[in-house]
Amino acid sequence: MKKIINSLKNKWNVKSDLELLWIFFIFAITGSSIVYVRKPITTYLFNKSTYGELKWHEFIFTIIIIYFIYQIFLFVIGSILGKHKFVKWFVVKMNKRIFFSTKNE
């Protein structure tokens, strides 16, 4: 476990275990917030509340919308909790990997 923690600290350029714990806390708050936001969004857009009721194109559309809302939440929550620089770097890196992926990475 210590090897994984040290690997993340090196990869994310984090200096202390407490700072890494704070970053995990930010991700936990953001993920939990998305769980509460997804259902009203799905109900508003498609008048259906669970993924099982959605057609495949509605499901894909919901995932795309939730992805962008997650990024906004991560940026806002991370900035409020004092990790603006890290969250900005993380969101940019996440988008580059998804939308601008190359074989040379």
Protein backbone atom coordinates (compact mmCIF):
# COMPACT_ATOMS: atom_id res chain seq x y z
CA MET A 1 0.00 0.00 0.00
CA LYS A 2 2.86 2.34 0.82
CA LYS A 3 4.26 1.75 -2.68
CA ILE A 4 0.95 2.87 -4.26
CA ILE A 5 0.79 5.97 -2.04
CA ASN A 6 4.36 6.95 -2.90
CA SER A 7 3.68 6.34 -6.59
CA LEU A 8 0.67 8.67 -6.50
CA LYS A 9 2.61 11.30 -4.57
CA ASN A 10 5.35 11.23 -7.21
CA LYS A 11 2.93 11.18 -10.13
CA TRP A 12 0.83 14.06 -8.78
CA ASN A 13 3.81 15.99 -7.34
CA VAL A 14 2.37 15.88 -3.82
CA LYS A 15 4.74 16.43 -0.89
CA SER A 16 2.95 14.92 2.12
CA ASP A 17 0.54 12.16 3.03
CA LEU A 18 -1.84 14.73 4.51
CA GLU A 19 -1.97 16.63 1.22
CA LEU A 20 -2.71 13.37 -0.64
CA LEU A 21 -5.47 12.61 1.87
CA TRP A 22 -6.95 16.07 1.26
CA ILE A 23 -6.95 15.41 -2.51
CA PHE A 24 -8.73 12.09 -1.93
CA PHE A 25 -11.27 13.95 0.21
CA ILE A 26 -11.90 16.38 -2.67
CA PHE A 27 -12.48 13.48 -5.07
CA ALA A 28 -14.83 11.83 -2.56
CA ILE A 29 -16.91 14.98 -2.09
CA THR A 30 -17.09 15.53 -5.85
CA GLY A 31 -18.10 11.94 -6.58
CA SER A 32 -20.74 11.95 -3.87
CA SER A 33 -22.14 15.23 -5.19
CA ILE A 34 -22.48 13.77 -8.68
CA VAL A 35 -24.49 10.85 -7.29
CA TYR A 36 -27.07 13.32 -5.94
CA VAL A 37 -27.11 15.47 -9.09
CA ARG A 38 -27.44 12.67 -11.66
CA LYS A 39 -30.96 11.56 -10.78
CA PRO A 40 -32.63 15.00 -11.06
CA ILE A 41 -30.81 15.65 -14.34
CA THR A 42 -31.91 12.32 -15.80
CA THR A 43 -35.47 12.86 -14.58
CA TYR A 44 -35.59 16.38 -16.03
CA LEU A 45 -34.16 15.42 -19.44
CA PHE A 46 -35.82 12.05 -20.04
CA ASN A 47 -38.52 11.76 -17.37
CA LYS A 48 -36.78 8.58 -16.15
CA SER A 49 -34.84 8.24 -12.92
CA THR A 50 -32.71 5.09 -13.31
CA TYR A 51 -30.18 3.99 -15.88
CA GLY A 52 -32.17 0.78 -16.47
CA GLU A 53 -35.09 2.78 -17.86
CA LEU A 54 -32.96 4.72 -20.35
CA LYS A 55 -32.54 3.82 -23.99
CA TRP A 56 -28.93 3.46 -25.15
CA HIS A 57 -28.73 6.94 -26.73
CA GLU A 58 -30.24 8.52 -23.60
CA PHE A 59 -27.71 6.63 -21.47
CA ILE A 60 -24.76 7.83 -23.59
CA PHE A 61 -26.07 11.40 -23.52
CA THR A 62 -26.46 11.22 -19.73
CA ILE A 63 -22.89 9.93 -19.29
CA ILE A 64 -21.52 12.78 -21.42
CA ILE A 65 -23.48 15.41 -19.49
CA ILE A 66 -22.45 13.94 -16.13
CA TYR A 67 -18.80 13.86 -17.25
CA PHE A 68 -18.78 17.60 -17.90
CA ILE A 69 -20.73 18.36 -14.73
CA TYR A 70 -18.21 16.25 -12.79
CA GLN A 71 -15.37 18.38 -14.16
CA ILE A 72 -17.13 21.58 -13.14
CA PHE A 73 -17.84 20.20 -9.67
CA LEU A 74 -14.25 18.98 -9.30
CA PHE A 75 -12.89 22.36 -10.32
CA VAL A 76 -15.23 24.34 -8.05
CA ILE A 77 -14.94 22.05 -5.00
CA GLY A 78 -11.17 21.69 -5.42
CA SER A 79 -10.76 25.45 -5.71
CA ILE A 80 -12.93 26.10 -2.65
CA LEU A 81 -10.92 23.54 -0.65
CA GLY A 82 -7.58 25.08 -1.63
CA LYS A 83 -6.31 22.79 -4.39
CA HIS A 84 -7.05 24.98 -7.42
CA LYS A 85 -3.67 24.38 -9.08
CA PHE A 86 -3.83 20.59 -8.70
CA VAL A 87 -7.46 20.32 -9.82
CA LYS A 88 -6.85 22.54 -12.85
CA TRP A 89 -3.87 20.36 -13.84
CA PHE A 90 -5.89 17.17 -13.26
CA VAL A 91 -8.91 18.31 -15.32
CA VAL A 92 -6.71 19.42 -18.22
CA LYS A 93 -4.80 16.13 -18.11
CA MET A 94 -8.04 14.12 -17.98
CA ASN A 95 -9.44 15.94 -21.02
CA LYS A 96 -6.22 15.57 -23.00
CA ARG A 97 -6.24 11.83 -22.40
CA ILE A 98 -9.86 11.45 -23.44
CA PHE A 99 -10.15 13.87 -26.35
CA PHE A 100 -6.62 14.32 -27.68
CA SER A 101 -5.15 10.87 -27.20
CA THR A 102 -2.18 9.98 -29.37
CA LYS A 103 -0.29 6.74 -29.78
CA ASN A 104 2.98 8.33 -28.66
CA GLU A 105 1.85 9.07 -25.07
